[in-house]
Amino acid sequence: MQEHNIGDTAYLKEPVKGYRYVEIIEYDGPRLVVKTTSGMELIIYEDELEDD
């Protein structure tokens, strides 16, 4: 079940290169494509995001 929508923002549980704050930009099957504030795109699973 997808809890997040495209355009939502969230925090990663574990920082990647010092970045935790991300914006969800698209779905990739069961994973999410997110963008950090630096513009770096990551493909993650939804459980890698902090719970609200």
PDB file of N, CA and C in Angstrom:
ATOM      1  N   MET A   1       0.847  -1.183   0.000  1.00  0.00           N
ATOM      2  CA  MET A   1       0.000   0.000   0.000  1.00  0.00           C
ATOM      3  C   MET A   1       0.887   1.238   0.000  1.00  0.00           C
ATOM      4  N   GLN A   2       0.634   2.145  -0.898  1.00  0.00           N
ATOM      5  CA  GLN A   2       1.443   3.338  -1.000  1.00  0.00           C
ATOM      6  C   GLN A   2       0.863   4.426  -0.111  1.00  0.00           C
ATOM      7  N   GLU A   3       1.689   4.918   0.796  1.00  0.00           N
ATOM      8  CA  GLU A   3       1.248   5.947   1.727  1.00  0.00           C
ATOM      9  C   GLU A   3       1.621   7.340   1.242  1.00  0.00           C
ATOM     10  N   HIS A   4       2.551   7.424   0.327  1.00  0.00           N
ATOM     11  CA  HIS A   4       3.054   8.714  -0.129  1.00  0.00           C
ATOM     12  C   HIS A   4       2.615   8.997  -1.557  1.00  0.00           C
ATOM     13  N   ASN A   5       2.415  10.267  -1.835  1.00  0.00           N
ATOM     14  CA  ASN A   5       2.002  10.701  -3.165  1.00  0.00           C
ATOM     15  C   ASN A   5       3.121  11.498  -3.823  1.00  0.00           C
ATOM     16  N   ILE A   6       3.099  11.553  -5.134  1.00  0.00           N
ATOM     17  CA  ILE A   6       4.071  12.359  -5.861  1.00  0.00           C
ATOM     18  C   ILE A   6       3.912  13.810  -5.408  1.00  0.00           C
ATOM     19  N   GLY A   7       5.049  14.442  -5.125  1.00  0.00           N
ATOM     20  CA  GLY A   7       5.049  15.817  -4.632  1.00  0.00           C
ATOM     21  C   GLY A   7       5.153  15.923  -3.122  1.00  0.00           C
ATOM     22  N   ASP A   8       4.886  14.814  -2.410  1.00  0.00           N
ATOM     23  CA  ASP A   8       5.043  14.817  -0.957  1.00  0.00           C
ATOM     24  C   ASP A   8       6.517  14.956  -0.599  1.00  0.00           C
ATOM     25  N   THR A   9       6.772  15.471   0.585  1.00  0.00           N
ATOM     26  CA  THR A   9       8.134  15.523   1.108  1.00  0.00           C
ATOM     27  C   THR A   9       8.219  14.622   2.327  1.00  0.00           C
ATOM     28  N   ALA A  10       9.433  14.150   2.604  1.00  0.00           N
ATOM     29  CA  ALA A  10       9.638  13.228   3.715  1.00  0.00           C
ATOM     30  C   ALA A  10      11.106  13.258   4.126  1.00  0.00           C
ATOM     31  N   TYR A  11      11.414  12.523   5.179  1.00  0.00           N
ATOM     32  CA  TYR A  11      12.788  12.389   5.650  1.00  0.00           C
ATOM     33  C   TYR A  11      13.220  10.929   5.539  1.00  0.00           C
ATOM     34  N   LEU A  12      14.437  10.714   5.065  1.00  0.00           N
ATOM     35  CA  LEU A  12      15.016   9.375   5.029  1.00  0.00           C
ATOM     36  C   LEU A  12      15.389   8.957   6.448  1.00  0.00           C
ATOM     37  N   LYS A  13      15.240   7.681   6.753  1.00  0.00           N
ATOM     38  CA  LYS A  13      15.671   7.173   8.057  1.00  0.00           C
ATOM     39  C   LYS A  13      17.183   7.282   8.194  1.00  0.00           C
ATOM     40  N   GLU A  14      17.905   6.984   7.123  1.00  0.00           N
ATOM     41  CA  GLU A  14      19.365   7.049   7.115  1.00  0.00           C
ATOM     42  C   GLU A  14      19.796   8.079   6.075  1.00  0.00           C
ATOM     43  N   PRO A  15      20.604   9.058   6.456  1.00  0.00           N
ATOM     44  CA  PRO A  15      21.049  10.061   5.482  1.00  0.00           C
ATOM     45  C   PRO A  15      21.869   9.447   4.347  1.00  0.00           C
ATOM     46  N   VAL A  16      21.767  10.033   3.174  1.00  0.00           N
ATOM     47  CA  VAL A  16      22.580   9.647   2.017  1.00  0.00           C
ATOM     48  C   VAL A  16      23.407  10.879   1.658  1.00  0.00           C
ATOM     49  N   LYS A  17      24.730  10.752   1.798  1.00  0.00           N
ATOM     50  CA  LYS A  17      25.653  11.869   1.543  1.00  0.00           C
ATOM     51  C   LYS A  17      25.240  13.117   2.323  1.00  0.00           C
ATOM     52  N   GLY A  18      24.742  12.896   3.534  1.00  0.00           N
ATOM     53  CA  GLY A  18      24.370  13.995   4.412  1.00  0.00           C
ATOM     54  C   GLY A  18      22.964  14.530   4.214  1.00  0.00           C
ATOM     55  N   TYR A  19      22.227  14.012   3.251  1.00  0.00           N
ATOM     56  CA  TYR A  19      20.880  14.511   2.962  1.00  0.00           C
ATOM     57  C   TYR A  19      19.826  13.552   3.499  1.00  0.00           C
ATOM     58  N   ARG A  20      18.791  14.122   4.138  1.00  0.00           N
ATOM     59  CA  ARG A  20      17.674  13.327   4.636  1.00  0.00           C
ATOM     60  C   ARG A  20      16.341  13.796   4.077  1.00  0.00           C
ATOM     61  N   TYR A  21      16.214  15.085   3.791  1.00  0.00           N
ATOM     62  CA  TYR A  21      14.951  15.657   3.327  1.00  0.00           C
ATOM     63  C   TYR A  21      14.814  15.399   1.831  1.00  0.00           C
ATOM     64  N   VAL A  22      13.705  14.778   1.416  1.00  0.00           N
ATOM     65  CA  VAL A  22      13.515  14.419   0.019  1.00  0.00           C
ATOM     66  C   VAL A  22      12.101  14.757  -0.438  1.00  0.00           C
ATOM     67  N   GLU A  23      11.953  14.888  -1.754  1.00  0.00           N
ATOM     68  CA  GLU A  23      10.649  15.046  -2.384  1.00  0.00           C
ATOM     69  C   GLU A  23      10.404  13.824  -3.255  1.00  0.00           C
ATOM     70  N   ILE A  24       9.217  13.260  -3.161  1.00  0.00           N
ATOM     71  CA  ILE A  24       8.868  12.093  -3.975  1.00  0.00           C
ATOM     72  C   ILE A  24       8.496  12.599  -5.371  1.00  0.00           C
ATOM     73  N   ILE A  25       9.197  12.073  -6.393  1.00  0.00           N
ATOM     74  CA  ILE A  25       8.949  12.576  -7.742  1.00  0.00           C
ATOM     75  C   ILE A  25       8.285  11.555  -8.664  1.00  0.00           C
ATOM     76  N   GLU A  26       8.399  10.260  -8.361  1.00  0.00           N
ATOM     77  CA  GLU A  26       7.675   9.267  -9.172  1.00  0.00           C
ATOM     78  C   GLU A  26       7.763   7.893  -8.519  1.00  0.00           C
ATOM     79  N   TYR A  27       6.962   6.969  -9.039  1.00  0.00           N
ATOM     80  CA  TYR A  27       6.988   5.579  -8.606  1.00  0.00           C
ATOM     81  C   TYR A  27       7.795   4.759  -9.594  1.00  0.00           C
ATOM     82  N   ASP A  28       8.481   3.746  -9.090  1.00  0.00           N
ATOM     83  CA  ASP A  28       9.230   2.805  -9.918  1.00  0.00           C
ATOM     84  C   ASP A  28       8.890   1.411  -9.411  1.00  0.00           C
ATOM     85  N   GLY A  29       7.729   0.916  -9.803  1.00  0.00           N
ATOM     86  CA  GLY A  29       7.252  -0.360  -9.273  1.00  0.00           C
ATOM     87  C   GLY A  29       6.993  -0.215  -7.786  1.00  0.00           C
ATOM     88  N   PRO A  30       7.562  -1.099  -6.965  1.00  0.00           N
ATOM     89  CA  PRO A  30       7.338  -1.010  -5.519  1.00  0.00           C
ATOM     90  C   PRO A  30       8.228   0.039  -4.841  1.00  0.00           C
ATOM     91  N   ARG A  31       9.051   0.706  -5.626  1.00  0.00           N
ATOM     92  CA  ARG A  31       9.975   1.682  -5.054  1.00  0.00           C
ATOM     93  C   ARG A  31       9.538   3.108  -5.407  1.00  0.00           C
ATOM     94  N   LEU A  32      10.184   4.060  -4.746  1.00  0.00           N
ATOM     95  CA  LEU A  32       9.922   5.473  -4.989  1.00  0.00           C
ATOM     96  C   LEU A  32      11.177   6.121  -5.543  1.00  0.00           C
ATOM     97  N   VAL A  33      11.001   7.047  -6.458  1.00  0.00           N
ATOM     98  CA  VAL A  33      12.112   7.878  -6.912  1.00  0.00           C
ATOM     99  C   VAL A  33      11.969   9.187  -6.155  1.00  0.00           C
ATOM    100  N   VAL A  34      13.026   9.562  -5.429  1.00  0.00           N
ATOM    101  CA  VAL A  34      12.994  10.787  -4.636  1.00  0.00           C
ATOM    102  C   VAL A  34      14.157  11.683  -5.031  1.00  0.00           C
ATOM    103  N   LYS A  35      14.007  12.983  -4.732  1.00  0.00           N
ATOM    104  CA  LYS A  35      15.057  13.941  -5.039  1.00  0.00           C
ATOM    105  C   LYS A  35      15.430  14.675  -3.762  1.00  0.00           C
ATOM    106  N   THR A  36      16.733  14.766  -3.482  1.00  0.00           N
ATOM    107  CA  THR A  36      17.204  15.508  -2.321  1.00  0.00           C
ATOM    108  C   THR A  36      17.220  16.995  -2.633  1.00  0.00           C
ATOM    109  N   THR A  37      17.485  17.813  -1.635  1.00  0.00           N
ATOM    110  CA  THR A  37      17.544  19.259  -1.839  1.00  0.00           C
ATOM    111  C   THR A  37      18.700  19.654  -2.750  1.00  0.00           C
ATOM    112  N   SER A  38      19.687  18.776  -2.917  1.00  0.00           N
ATOM    113  CA  SER A  38      20.811  19.062  -3.817  1.00  0.00           C
ATOM    114  C   SER A  38      20.494  18.678  -5.266  1.00  0.00           C
ATOM    115  N   GLY A  39      19.334  18.026  -5.480  1.00  0.00           N
ATOM    116  CA  GLY A  39      18.959  17.597  -6.818  1.00  0.00           C
ATOM    117  C   GLY A  39      19.321  16.155  -7.132  1.00  0.00           C
ATOM    118  N   MET A  40      19.979  15.461  -6.195  1.00  0.00           N
ATOM    119  CA  MET A  40      20.354  14.062  -6.402  1.00  0.00           C
ATOM    120  C   MET A  40      19.100  13.191  -6.340  1.00  0.00           C
ATOM    121  N   GLU A  41      18.931  12.305  -7.312  1.00  0.00           N
ATOM    122  CA  GLU A  41      17.789  11.395  -7.332  1.00  0.00           C
ATOM    123  C   GLU A  41      18.203  10.035  -6.792  1.00  0.00           C
ATOM    124  N   LEU A  42      17.318   9.469  -5.977  1.00  0.00           N
ATOM    125  CA  LEU A  42      17.548   8.154  -5.359  1.00  0.00           C
ATOM    126  C   LEU A  42      16.327   7.287  -5.621  1.00  0.00           C
ATOM    127  N   ILE A  43      16.544   5.990  -5.695  1.00  0.00           N
ATOM    128  CA  ILE A  43      15.440   5.037  -5.781  1.00  0.00           C
ATOM    129  C   ILE A  43      15.447   4.261  -4.473  1.00  0.00           C
ATOM    130  N   ILE A  44      14.355   4.348  -3.735  1.00  0.00           N
ATOM    131  CA  ILE A  44      14.284   3.758  -2.398  1.00  0.00           C
ATOM    132  C   ILE A  44      12.976   2.993  -2.223  1.00  0.00           C
ATOM    133  N   TYR A  45      12.933   2.181  -1.181  1.00  0.00           N
ATOM    134  CA  TYR A  45      11.693   1.546  -0.778  1.00  0.00           C
ATOM    135  C   TYR A  45      10.999   2.443   0.240  1.00  0.00           C
ATOM    136  N   GLU A  46       9.692   2.403   0.278  1.00  0.00           N
ATOM    137  CA  GLU A  46       8.913   3.281   1.145  1.00  0.00           C
ATOM    138  C   GLU A  46       9.290   3.123   2.619  1.00  0.00           C
ATOM    139  N   ASP A  47       9.716   1.920   3.026  1.00  0.00           N
ATOM    140  CA  ASP A  47      10.083   1.724   4.427  1.00  0.00           C
ATOM    141  C   ASP A  47      11.408   2.387   4.816  1.00  0.00           C
ATOM    142  N   GLU A  48      12.095   3.005   3.842  1.00  0.00           N
ATOM    143  CA  GLU A  48      13.311   3.746   4.126  1.00  0.00           C
ATOM    144  C   GLU A  48      13.005   5.181   4.543  1.00  0.00           C
ATOM    145  N   LEU A  49      11.714   5.553   4.517  1.00  0.00           N
ATOM    146  CA  LEU A  49      11.302   6.888   4.942  1.00  0.00           C
ATOM    147  C   LEU A  49      10.825   6.838   6.385  1.00  0.00           C
ATOM    148  N   GLU A  50      11.043   7.929   7.110  1.00  0.00           N
ATOM    149  CA  GLU A  50      10.562   8.009   8.490  1.00  0.00           C
ATOM    150  C   GLU A  50       9.039   8.006   8.501  1.00  0.00           C
ATOM    151  N   ASP A  51       8.487   7.414   9.542  1.00  0.00           N
ATOM    152  CA  ASP A  51       7.034   7.442   9.728  1.00  0.00           C
ATOM    153  C   ASP A  51       6.639   8.839  10.177  1.00  0.00           C
ATOM    154  N   ASP A  52       5.452   9.261   9.771  1.00  0.00           N
ATOM    155  CA  ASP A  52       4.975  10.596  10.146  1.00  0.00           C
ATOM    156  C   ASP A  52       4.697  10.694  11.621  1.00  0.00           C
TER     157      ASP A  52
END
